[in-house]
C-alpha cells in the first residue's frame, strides 16, 4: 500500500510539473548558505550594515514575506483549492491578493529567505537566493503555468496577461 501511494505521489508531482516543494527550495538555500558562511565566510553584510540594521531589515522582510504566504494560503483555503503545487488545482485564485500578484507564496518565500539571510548576516544565503529564485521560476512557476493553461484554458490566459507574476500590480 505504501509503495502504491509513493508512486501515486510521484506521478501527481510530475503531472502538475513542480520539481520540488517550494519550501524545500527555501530551506536548502538557508542550510547551504549557513554551511558556506561557516566554510567560506565573506563578511560583506557585516561590513555594510550594523547588527541592528540587519536585524531591522531582516525582520521587515520576514514579516512581509510571512504575511504574503499566510494571506495567499488563506485565500486558497477559502476558495477550496489545494495549496501544494504537486496537487491538482481545483479552482483559480484571481481575486484579492491574487488580483495584484500571481505568485504571492513564492514572492513571500523569497522575501522570507532574504530576510533571514540579512538578519543573520549570511552573505551566502543572499548569493544562493539567485539560483533558488531561478529554480522556483523555471522548475515550479513556469511548469505550473503550463499546467494551469491546459486545465483552465482562456480563463487562465486572460488572468496571466492581466496580473504580474513577480511584481505588484497597482490598481
N, C-alpha and C. Protein backbone atom coordinates (compact mmCIF):
# COMPACT_ATOMS: atom_id res chain seq x y z
N UNK A 1 0.82 -1.20 0.00
CA UNK A 1 0.00 0.00 0.00
C UNK A 1 0.86 1.27 0.00
N UNK A 2 1.93 1.30 0.80
CA UNK A 2 2.80 2.46 0.87
C UNK A 2 3.49 2.69 -0.46
N UNK A 3 3.96 1.63 -1.10
CA UNK A 3 4.63 1.77 -2.40
C UNK A 3 3.69 2.36 -3.43
N UNK A 4 2.43 1.95 -3.42
CA UNK A 4 1.44 2.49 -4.36
C UNK A 4 1.24 3.98 -4.11
N UNK A 5 1.15 4.38 -2.83
CA UNK A 5 0.98 5.80 -2.52
C UNK A 5 2.19 6.60 -2.96
N UNK A 6 3.41 6.07 -2.81
CA UNK A 6 4.61 6.77 -3.25
C UNK A 6 4.61 6.96 -4.75
N UNK A 7 4.23 5.92 -5.49
CA UNK A 7 4.17 6.02 -6.95
C UNK A 7 3.12 7.05 -7.34
N UNK A 8 1.98 7.03 -6.67
CA UNK A 8 0.92 7.98 -6.98
C UNK A 8 1.41 9.41 -6.70
N UNK A 9 2.11 9.63 -5.59
CA UNK A 9 2.60 10.97 -5.26
C UNK A 9 3.59 11.45 -6.32
N UNK A 10 4.46 10.58 -6.77
CA UNK A 10 5.43 10.96 -7.80
C UNK A 10 4.72 11.29 -9.10
N UNK A 11 3.74 10.49 -9.48
CA UNK A 11 3.05 10.74 -10.75
C UNK A 11 2.25 12.04 -10.68
N UNK A 12 1.68 12.36 -9.53
CA UNK A 12 0.95 13.62 -9.38
C UNK A 12 1.93 14.78 -9.49
N UNK A 13 3.08 14.66 -8.84
CA UNK A 13 4.07 15.72 -8.88
C UNK A 13 4.52 15.97 -10.31
N UNK A 14 4.78 14.91 -11.03
CA UNK A 14 5.20 15.04 -12.43
C UNK A 14 4.06 15.63 -13.25
N UNK A 15 2.81 15.23 -12.95
CA UNK A 15 1.66 15.70 -13.71
C UNK A 15 1.46 17.20 -13.63
N UNK A 16 1.65 17.80 -12.46
CA UNK A 16 1.46 19.24 -12.33
C UNK A 16 2.73 20.02 -12.62
N UNK A 17 3.88 19.37 -12.58
CA UNK A 17 5.11 20.00 -13.02
C UNK A 17 6.06 20.52 -11.97
N UNK A 18 5.68 20.63 -10.72
CA UNK A 18 6.60 21.16 -9.71
C UNK A 18 7.74 20.17 -9.49
N UNK A 19 8.98 20.64 -9.62
CA UNK A 19 10.11 19.71 -9.48
C UNK A 19 10.51 19.48 -8.03
N UNK A 20 10.09 20.39 -7.14
CA UNK A 20 10.38 20.23 -5.71
C UNK A 20 9.40 21.11 -4.94
N UNK A 21 9.10 20.73 -3.71
CA UNK A 21 8.25 21.61 -2.90
C UNK A 21 8.97 22.95 -2.66
N UNK A 22 8.34 24.06 -2.98
CA UNK A 22 9.00 25.36 -2.80
C UNK A 22 9.57 25.60 -1.40
N UNK A 23 8.89 25.20 -0.31
CA UNK A 23 9.52 25.40 1.00
C UNK A 23 10.86 24.65 1.12
N UNK A 24 10.97 23.51 0.46
CA UNK A 24 12.22 22.76 0.48
C UNK A 24 13.33 23.55 -0.23
N UNK A 25 12.99 24.22 -1.31
CA UNK A 25 13.96 25.06 -2.02
C UNK A 25 14.47 26.16 -1.09
N UNK A 26 13.56 26.80 -0.35
CA UNK A 26 13.95 27.83 0.61
C UNK A 26 14.80 27.27 1.74
N UNK A 27 14.42 26.12 2.27
CA UNK A 27 15.16 25.50 3.36
C UNK A 27 16.57 25.10 2.93
N UNK A 28 16.69 24.50 1.75
CA UNK A 28 18.01 24.12 1.24
C UNK A 28 18.87 25.36 1.03
N UNK A 29 18.28 26.43 0.53
CA UNK A 29 19.01 27.69 0.36
C UNK A 29 19.56 28.19 1.69
N UNK A 30 18.72 28.16 2.72
CA UNK A 30 19.15 28.60 4.05
C UNK A 30 20.26 27.72 4.61
N UNK A 31 20.06 26.41 4.57
CA UNK A 31 21.04 25.49 5.15
C UNK A 31 22.37 25.53 4.41
N UNK A 32 22.30 25.53 3.08
CA UNK A 32 23.52 25.58 2.29
C UNK A 32 24.25 26.92 2.48
N UNK A 33 23.46 28.01 2.58
CA UNK A 33 24.06 29.32 2.81
C UNK A 33 24.78 29.40 4.14
N UNK A 34 24.16 28.87 5.19
CA UNK A 34 24.79 28.88 6.52
C UNK A 34 26.05 28.01 6.50
N UNK A 35 25.98 26.87 5.84
CA UNK A 35 27.16 25.99 5.75
C UNK A 35 28.30 26.69 5.02
N UNK A 36 27.98 27.35 3.90
CA UNK A 36 29.01 28.06 3.15
C UNK A 36 29.57 29.25 3.93
N UNK A 37 28.73 29.92 4.71
CA UNK A 37 29.22 31.01 5.57
C UNK A 37 30.22 30.49 6.59
N UNK A 38 30.02 29.29 7.05
CA UNK A 38 30.92 28.70 8.04
C UNK A 38 32.25 28.30 7.39
N UNK A 39 32.17 27.74 6.16
CA UNK A 39 33.37 27.26 5.48
C UNK A 39 34.11 28.40 4.76
N UNK A 40 33.38 29.26 4.07
CA UNK A 40 33.97 30.35 3.27
C UNK A 40 33.31 31.69 3.61
N UNK A 41 33.52 32.21 4.80
CA UNK A 41 32.84 33.46 5.18
C UNK A 41 33.29 34.64 4.31
N UNK A 42 32.33 35.54 4.01
CA UNK A 42 32.64 36.72 3.21
C UNK A 42 32.57 38.01 4.02
N UNK A 43 31.67 38.12 4.99
CA UNK A 43 31.54 39.27 5.89
C UNK A 43 31.13 40.57 5.19
N UNK A 44 30.55 40.50 3.99
CA UNK A 44 30.15 41.71 3.28
C UNK A 44 28.99 42.40 4.01
N UNK A 45 27.96 41.65 4.35
CA UNK A 45 26.82 42.25 5.06
C UNK A 45 27.26 42.84 6.39
N UNK A 46 28.14 42.15 7.08
CA UNK A 46 28.61 42.64 8.39
C UNK A 46 29.37 43.95 8.24
N UNK A 47 30.09 44.10 7.14
CA UNK A 47 30.83 45.35 6.92
C UNK A 47 29.91 46.49 6.48
N UNK A 48 28.86 46.16 5.72
CA UNK A 48 27.97 47.19 5.19
C UNK A 48 26.93 47.68 6.19
N UNK A 49 26.41 46.75 6.98
CA UNK A 49 25.31 47.09 7.88
C UNK A 49 25.62 46.63 9.31
N UNK A 50 25.26 47.47 10.26
CA UNK A 50 25.44 47.06 11.65
C UNK A 50 24.43 45.96 11.99
N UNK A 51 24.67 45.30 13.09
CA UNK A 51 23.79 44.21 13.54
C UNK A 51 22.33 44.67 13.61
N UNK A 52 22.10 45.84 14.20
CA UNK A 52 20.72 46.32 14.40
C UNK A 52 20.03 46.67 13.08
N UNK A 53 20.77 47.22 12.12
CA UNK A 53 20.18 47.49 10.81
C UNK A 53 19.84 46.18 10.10
N UNK A 54 20.77 45.22 10.17
CA UNK A 54 20.49 43.91 9.55
C UNK A 54 19.26 43.27 10.18
N UNK A 55 19.18 43.36 11.49
CA UNK A 55 18.04 42.77 12.20
C UNK A 55 16.73 43.46 11.81
N UNK A 56 16.74 44.78 11.72
CA UNK A 56 15.54 45.53 11.36
C UNK A 56 15.10 45.23 9.93
N UNK A 57 16.04 45.25 9.00
CA UNK A 57 15.72 44.95 7.60
C UNK A 57 15.24 43.50 7.47
N UNK A 58 15.94 42.59 8.13
CA UNK A 58 15.55 41.19 8.09
C UNK A 58 14.16 40.97 8.65
N UNK A 59 13.87 41.61 9.79
CA UNK A 59 12.54 41.49 10.41
C UNK A 59 11.45 42.01 9.47
N UNK A 60 11.72 43.14 8.83
CA UNK A 60 10.76 43.72 7.89
C UNK A 60 10.48 42.76 6.73
N UNK A 61 11.54 42.20 6.14
CA UNK A 61 11.37 41.28 5.01
C UNK A 61 10.69 39.97 5.43
N UNK A 62 11.07 39.44 6.58
CA UNK A 62 10.43 38.22 7.07
C UNK A 62 8.96 38.47 7.35
N UNK A 63 8.64 39.60 7.94
CA UNK A 63 7.24 39.94 8.22
C UNK A 63 6.43 40.08 6.95
N UNK A 64 6.97 40.79 5.97
CA UNK A 64 6.27 40.98 4.70
C UNK A 64 6.11 39.64 3.97
N UNK A 65 7.19 38.87 3.90
CA UNK A 65 7.12 37.56 3.25
C UNK A 65 6.15 36.63 3.94
N UNK A 66 6.20 36.60 5.26
CA UNK A 66 5.28 35.75 6.02
C UNK A 66 3.83 36.15 5.82
N UNK A 67 3.58 37.46 5.79
CA UNK A 67 2.21 37.95 5.57
C UNK A 67 1.71 37.52 4.19
N UNK A 68 2.56 37.63 3.16
CA UNK A 68 2.14 37.20 1.82
C UNK A 68 1.78 35.72 1.80
N UNK A 69 2.63 34.90 2.40
CA UNK A 69 2.39 33.46 2.42
C UNK A 69 1.09 33.14 3.17
N UNK A 70 0.91 33.73 4.33
CA UNK A 70 -0.28 33.45 5.14
C UNK A 70 -1.55 33.89 4.41
N UNK A 71 -1.55 35.10 3.85
CA UNK A 71 -2.74 35.58 3.14
C UNK A 71 -3.04 34.75 1.91
N UNK A 72 -2.01 34.35 1.18
CA UNK A 72 -2.21 33.53 -0.02
C UNK A 72 -2.77 32.15 0.36
N UNK A 73 -2.24 31.55 1.40
CA UNK A 73 -2.74 30.24 1.85
C UNK A 73 -4.21 30.35 2.28
N UNK A 74 -4.53 31.41 3.01
CA UNK A 74 -5.92 31.62 3.44
C UNK A 74 -6.86 31.73 2.23
N UNK A 75 -6.39 32.45 1.21
CA UNK A 75 -7.23 32.62 0.04
C UNK A 75 -7.43 31.29 -0.68
N UNK A 76 -6.38 30.49 -0.80
CA UNK A 76 -6.52 29.16 -1.41
C UNK A 76 -7.52 28.32 -0.63
N UNK A 77 -7.41 28.35 0.70
CA UNK A 77 -8.35 27.57 1.53
C UNK A 77 -9.78 28.07 1.37
N UNK A 78 -9.95 29.38 1.27
CA UNK A 78 -11.30 29.94 1.17
C UNK A 78 -11.98 29.59 -0.15
N UNK A 79 -11.22 29.40 -1.21
CA UNK A 79 -11.85 29.02 -2.49
C UNK A 79 -11.87 27.51 -2.69
N UNK A 80 -11.27 26.77 -1.75
CA UNK A 80 -11.33 25.31 -1.80
C UNK A 80 -10.39 24.67 -2.81
N UNK A 81 -9.18 25.19 -2.93
CA UNK A 81 -8.21 24.57 -3.82
C UNK A 81 -7.01 24.08 -3.02
N UNK A 82 -6.23 23.21 -3.62
CA UNK A 82 -5.06 22.65 -2.95
C UNK A 82 -3.94 23.67 -2.88
N UNK A 83 -3.19 23.63 -1.80
CA UNK A 83 -2.06 24.54 -1.62
C UNK A 83 -0.77 23.97 -2.22
N UNK A 84 -0.41 22.71 -1.95
CA UNK A 84 0.84 22.19 -2.52
C UNK A 84 0.81 22.19 -4.05
N UNK A 85 1.90 22.62 -4.69
CA UNK A 85 1.90 22.73 -6.16
C UNK A 85 1.91 21.39 -6.88
N UNK A 86 2.15 20.30 -6.18
CA UNK A 86 2.14 18.99 -6.83
C UNK A 86 0.77 18.33 -6.75
N UNK A 87 -0.18 18.99 -6.07
CA UNK A 87 -1.55 18.50 -6.04
C UNK A 87 -2.36 19.26 -7.08
N UNK A 88 -3.41 18.66 -7.60
CA UNK A 88 -4.19 19.34 -8.65
C UNK A 88 -4.85 20.62 -8.15
N UNK A 89 -4.87 21.61 -9.01
CA UNK A 89 -5.56 22.86 -8.72
C UNK A 89 -7.03 22.65 -9.01
N UNK A 90 -7.87 22.97 -8.05
CA UNK A 90 -9.31 22.76 -8.20
C UNK A 90 -10.02 24.02 -8.69
N UNK A 91 -9.51 25.19 -8.27
CA UNK A 91 -10.11 26.47 -8.65
C UNK A 91 -8.99 27.50 -8.81
N UNK A 92 -9.20 28.46 -9.69
CA UNK A 92 -8.24 29.56 -9.85
C UNK A 92 -8.49 30.63 -8.79
N UNK A 93 -7.40 31.11 -8.20
CA UNK A 93 -7.48 32.25 -7.29
C UNK A 93 -7.12 33.48 -8.12
N UNK A 94 -8.08 34.35 -8.34
CA UNK A 94 -7.84 35.53 -9.20
C UNK A 94 -8.23 36.84 -8.52
N UNK A 95 -8.82 36.78 -7.34
CA UNK A 95 -9.26 37.99 -6.65
C UNK A 95 -8.36 38.27 -5.44
N UNK A 96 -8.64 39.37 -4.76
CA UNK A 96 -7.90 39.72 -3.56
C UNK A 96 -6.42 39.87 -3.87
N UNK A 97 -5.59 39.22 -3.08
CA UNK A 97 -4.15 39.26 -3.26
C UNK A 97 -3.75 38.79 -4.65
N UNK A 98 -4.43 37.75 -5.14
CA UNK A 98 -4.12 37.19 -6.45
C UNK A 98 -4.59 38.09 -7.60
N UNK A 99 -5.33 39.14 -7.31
CA UNK A 99 -5.68 40.12 -8.32
C UNK A 99 -4.56 41.12 -8.57
N UNK A 100 -3.53 41.09 -7.70
CA UNK A 100 -2.40 42.00 -7.82
C UNK A 100 -1.08 41.28 -8.12
N UNK A 101 -1.02 40.00 -7.77
CA UNK A 101 0.23 39.25 -7.85
C UNK A 101 -0.10 37.77 -8.06
N UNK A 102 0.44 37.16 -9.12
CA UNK A 102 0.12 35.76 -9.41
C UNK A 102 0.82 34.77 -8.49
N UNK A 103 1.97 35.12 -7.97
CA UNK A 103 2.76 34.18 -7.18
C UNK A 103 3.10 34.70 -5.78
N UNK A 104 2.11 35.09 -4.99
CA UNK A 104 2.44 35.68 -3.68
C UNK A 104 3.14 34.71 -2.74
N UNK A 105 2.84 33.42 -2.83
CA UNK A 105 3.53 32.47 -1.94
C UNK A 105 5.01 32.39 -2.27
N UNK A 106 5.34 32.43 -3.55
CA UNK A 106 6.74 32.31 -3.95
C UNK A 106 7.49 33.61 -3.70
N UNK A 107 6.84 34.74 -3.92
CA UNK A 107 7.45 36.03 -3.59
C UNK A 107 7.67 36.08 -2.07
N UNK A 108 6.68 35.61 -1.32
CA UNK A 108 6.81 35.56 0.14
C UNK A 108 7.97 34.69 0.58
N UNK A 109 8.13 33.54 -0.05
CA UNK A 109 9.23 32.63 0.27
C UNK A 109 10.58 33.31 0.01
N UNK A 110 10.70 34.00 -1.10
CA UNK A 110 11.95 34.71 -1.42
C UNK A 110 12.22 35.81 -0.39
N UNK A 111 11.18 36.56 -0.03
CA UNK A 111 11.36 37.62 0.97
C UNK A 111 11.73 37.05 2.33
N UNK A 112 11.08 35.95 2.72
CA UNK A 112 11.42 35.28 3.98
C UNK A 112 12.88 34.85 4.00
N UNK A 113 13.31 34.20 2.94
CA UNK A 113 14.68 33.70 2.85
C UNK A 113 15.68 34.86 2.87
N UNK A 114 15.39 35.90 2.11
CA UNK A 114 16.28 37.07 2.09
C UNK A 114 16.32 37.73 3.47
N UNK A 115 15.18 37.84 4.11
CA UNK A 115 15.12 38.45 5.43
C UNK A 115 15.93 37.69 6.46
N UNK A 116 15.83 36.38 6.44
CA UNK A 116 16.62 35.57 7.37
C UNK A 116 18.11 35.74 7.06
N UNK A 117 18.45 35.71 5.77
CA UNK A 117 19.84 35.88 5.38
C UNK A 117 20.42 37.20 5.84
N UNK A 118 19.67 38.27 5.67
CA UNK A 118 20.14 39.60 6.08
C UNK A 118 20.23 39.67 7.61
N UNK A 119 19.21 39.17 8.29
CA UNK A 119 19.19 39.25 9.76
C UNK A 119 20.37 38.52 10.39
N UNK A 120 20.74 37.38 9.84
CA UNK A 120 21.85 36.63 10.43
C UNK A 120 23.19 36.98 9.78
N UNK A 121 23.18 37.92 8.85
CA UNK A 121 24.41 38.36 8.20
C UNK A 121 25.02 37.32 7.29
N UNK A 122 24.17 36.54 6.62
CA UNK A 122 24.66 35.47 5.75
C UNK A 122 24.76 35.95 4.31
N UNK A 123 25.97 36.24 3.90
CA UNK A 123 26.19 36.64 2.51
C UNK A 123 25.81 35.52 1.54
N UNK A 124 26.14 34.30 1.92
CA UNK A 124 25.90 33.17 1.02
C UNK A 124 24.41 32.90 0.80
N UNK A 125 23.58 33.13 1.80
CA UNK A 125 22.14 32.95 1.59
C UNK A 125 21.66 33.90 0.50
N UNK A 126 22.14 35.14 0.54
CA UNK A 126 21.73 36.11 -0.48
C UNK A 126 22.26 35.73 -1.86
N UNK A 127 23.49 35.22 -1.91
CA UNK A 127 24.05 34.77 -3.19
C UNK A 127 23.24 33.58 -3.72
N UNK A 128 22.94 32.63 -2.85
CA UNK A 128 22.20 31.43 -3.27
C UNK A 128 20.74 31.71 -3.57
N UNK A 129 20.25 32.87 -3.16
CA UNK A 129 18.87 33.23 -3.45
C UNK A 129 18.65 33.42 -4.95
N UNK A 130 19.68 33.80 -5.66
CA UNK A 130 19.55 33.97 -7.12
C UNK A 130 19.26 32.62 -7.80
N UNK A 131 20.10 31.59 -7.60
CA UNK A 131 19.74 30.30 -8.22
C UNK A 131 18.46 29.71 -7.65
N UNK A 132 18.16 29.98 -6.38
CA UNK A 132 16.91 29.48 -5.80
C UNK A 132 15.71 30.11 -6.49
N UNK A 133 15.78 31.42 -6.75
CA UNK A 133 14.69 32.11 -7.44
C UNK A 133 14.55 31.60 -8.87
N UNK A 134 15.67 31.35 -9.53
CA UNK A 134 15.62 30.78 -10.88
C UNK A 134 15.03 29.38 -10.87
N UNK A 135 15.38 28.59 -9.87
CA UNK A 135 14.81 27.25 -9.74
C UNK A 135 13.31 27.33 -9.49
N UNK A 136 12.89 28.25 -8.65
CA UNK A 136 11.46 28.46 -8.42
C UNK A 136 10.75 28.85 -9.72
N UNK A 137 11.35 29.78 -10.44
CA UNK A 137 10.71 30.26 -11.67
C UNK A 137 10.62 29.16 -12.73
N UNK A 138 11.77 28.55 -13.04
CA UNK A 138 11.79 27.57 -14.13
C UNK A 138 11.33 26.18 -13.70
N UNK A 139 11.59 25.82 -12.45
CA UNK A 139 11.25 24.48 -12.00
C UNK A 139 9.87 24.34 -11.40
N UNK A 140 9.27 25.46 -11.01
CA UNK A 140 7.94 25.40 -10.39
C UNK A 140 6.94 26.28 -11.14
N UNK A 141 7.19 27.58 -11.19
CA UNK A 141 6.20 28.54 -11.71
C UNK A 141 5.86 28.28 -13.18
N UNK A 142 6.86 28.22 -14.04
CA UNK A 142 6.56 28.03 -15.47
C UNK A 142 5.86 26.69 -15.73
N UNK A 143 6.24 25.69 -14.97
CA UNK A 143 5.58 24.38 -15.12
C UNK A 143 4.14 24.44 -14.62
N UNK A 144 3.93 25.13 -13.51
CA UNK A 144 2.56 25.30 -13.02
C UNK A 144 1.72 26.08 -14.03
N UNK A 145 2.32 27.11 -14.62
CA UNK A 145 1.57 27.92 -15.57
C UNK A 145 1.15 27.10 -16.79
N UNK A 146 2.02 26.23 -17.27
CA UNK A 146 1.63 25.35 -18.39
C UNK A 146 0.47 24.44 -17.96
N UNK A 147 0.56 23.91 -16.76
CA UNK A 147 -0.50 23.06 -16.22
C UNK A 147 -1.81 23.83 -16.12
N UNK A 148 -1.76 25.03 -15.56
CA UNK A 148 -2.98 25.84 -15.39
C UNK A 148 -3.57 26.25 -16.73
N UNK A 149 -2.73 26.53 -17.70
CA UNK A 149 -3.23 26.87 -19.02
C UNK A 149 -3.95 25.68 -19.66
N UNK A 150 -3.38 24.50 -19.50
CA UNK A 150 -4.05 23.30 -20.03
C UNK A 150 -5.37 23.04 -19.31
N UNK A 151 -5.37 23.24 -18.00
CA UNK A 151 -6.55 22.91 -17.21
C UNK A 151 -7.66 23.97 -17.35
N UNK A 152 -7.30 25.26 -17.34
CA UNK A 152 -8.30 26.32 -17.32
C UNK A 152 -8.39 27.12 -18.62
N UNK A 153 -7.50 26.88 -19.57
CA UNK A 153 -7.58 27.48 -20.89
C UNK A 153 -7.55 28.99 -20.90
N UNK A 154 -8.49 29.57 -21.65
CA UNK A 154 -8.53 31.02 -21.85
C UNK A 154 -8.70 31.81 -20.56
N UNK A 155 -9.43 31.23 -19.60
CA UNK A 155 -9.62 31.92 -18.33
C UNK A 155 -8.27 32.19 -17.66
N UNK A 156 -7.39 31.19 -17.66
CA UNK A 156 -6.07 31.39 -17.07
C UNK A 156 -5.21 32.31 -17.93
N UNK A 157 -5.29 32.18 -19.24
CA UNK A 157 -4.50 33.05 -20.14
C UNK A 157 -4.85 34.52 -19.93
N UNK A 158 -6.13 34.83 -19.80
CA UNK A 158 -6.55 36.22 -19.54
C UNK A 158 -6.00 36.70 -18.19
N UNK A 159 -6.10 35.84 -17.20
CA UNK A 159 -5.59 36.19 -15.87
C UNK A 159 -4.09 36.44 -15.92
N UNK A 160 -3.35 35.55 -16.55
CA UNK A 160 -1.89 35.69 -16.64
C UNK A 160 -1.50 36.97 -17.39
N UNK A 161 -2.27 37.32 -18.39
CA UNK A 161 -1.97 38.54 -19.16
C UNK A 161 -2.25 39.81 -18.37
N UNK A 162 -3.15 39.74 -17.40
CA UNK A 162 -3.54 40.96 -16.70
C UNK A 162 -2.90 41.14 -15.32
N UNK A 163 -2.29 40.09 -14.77
CA UNK A 163 -1.72 40.18 -13.42
C UNK A 163 -0.25 39.76 -13.46
N UNK A 164 0.65 40.61 -12.94
CA UNK A 164 2.07 40.26 -12.98
C UNK A 164 2.38 39.06 -12.07
N UNK A 165 3.38 38.30 -12.48
CA UNK A 165 3.75 37.12 -11.71
C UNK A 165 4.63 37.43 -10.52
N UNK A 166 5.57 38.35 -10.67
CA UNK A 166 6.56 38.58 -9.62
C UNK A 166 6.51 39.98 -9.03
N UNK A 167 5.87 40.92 -9.72
CA UNK A 167 5.77 42.28 -9.21
C UNK A 167 4.35 42.54 -8.74
N UNK A 168 4.12 43.71 -8.21
CA UNK A 168 2.81 44.06 -7.67
C UNK A 168 2.08 44.97 -8.64
N UNK A 169 0.85 44.61 -8.97
CA UNK A 169 0.05 45.49 -9.84
C UNK A 169 -0.66 46.52 -8.98
N UNK A 170 -0.45 47.76 -9.30
CA UNK A 170 -1.10 48.86 -8.60
C UNK A 170 -2.35 49.22 -9.39
N UNK A 171 -3.51 49.11 -8.75
CA UNK A 171 -4.74 49.44 -9.47
C UNK A 171 -5.40 50.68 -8.92
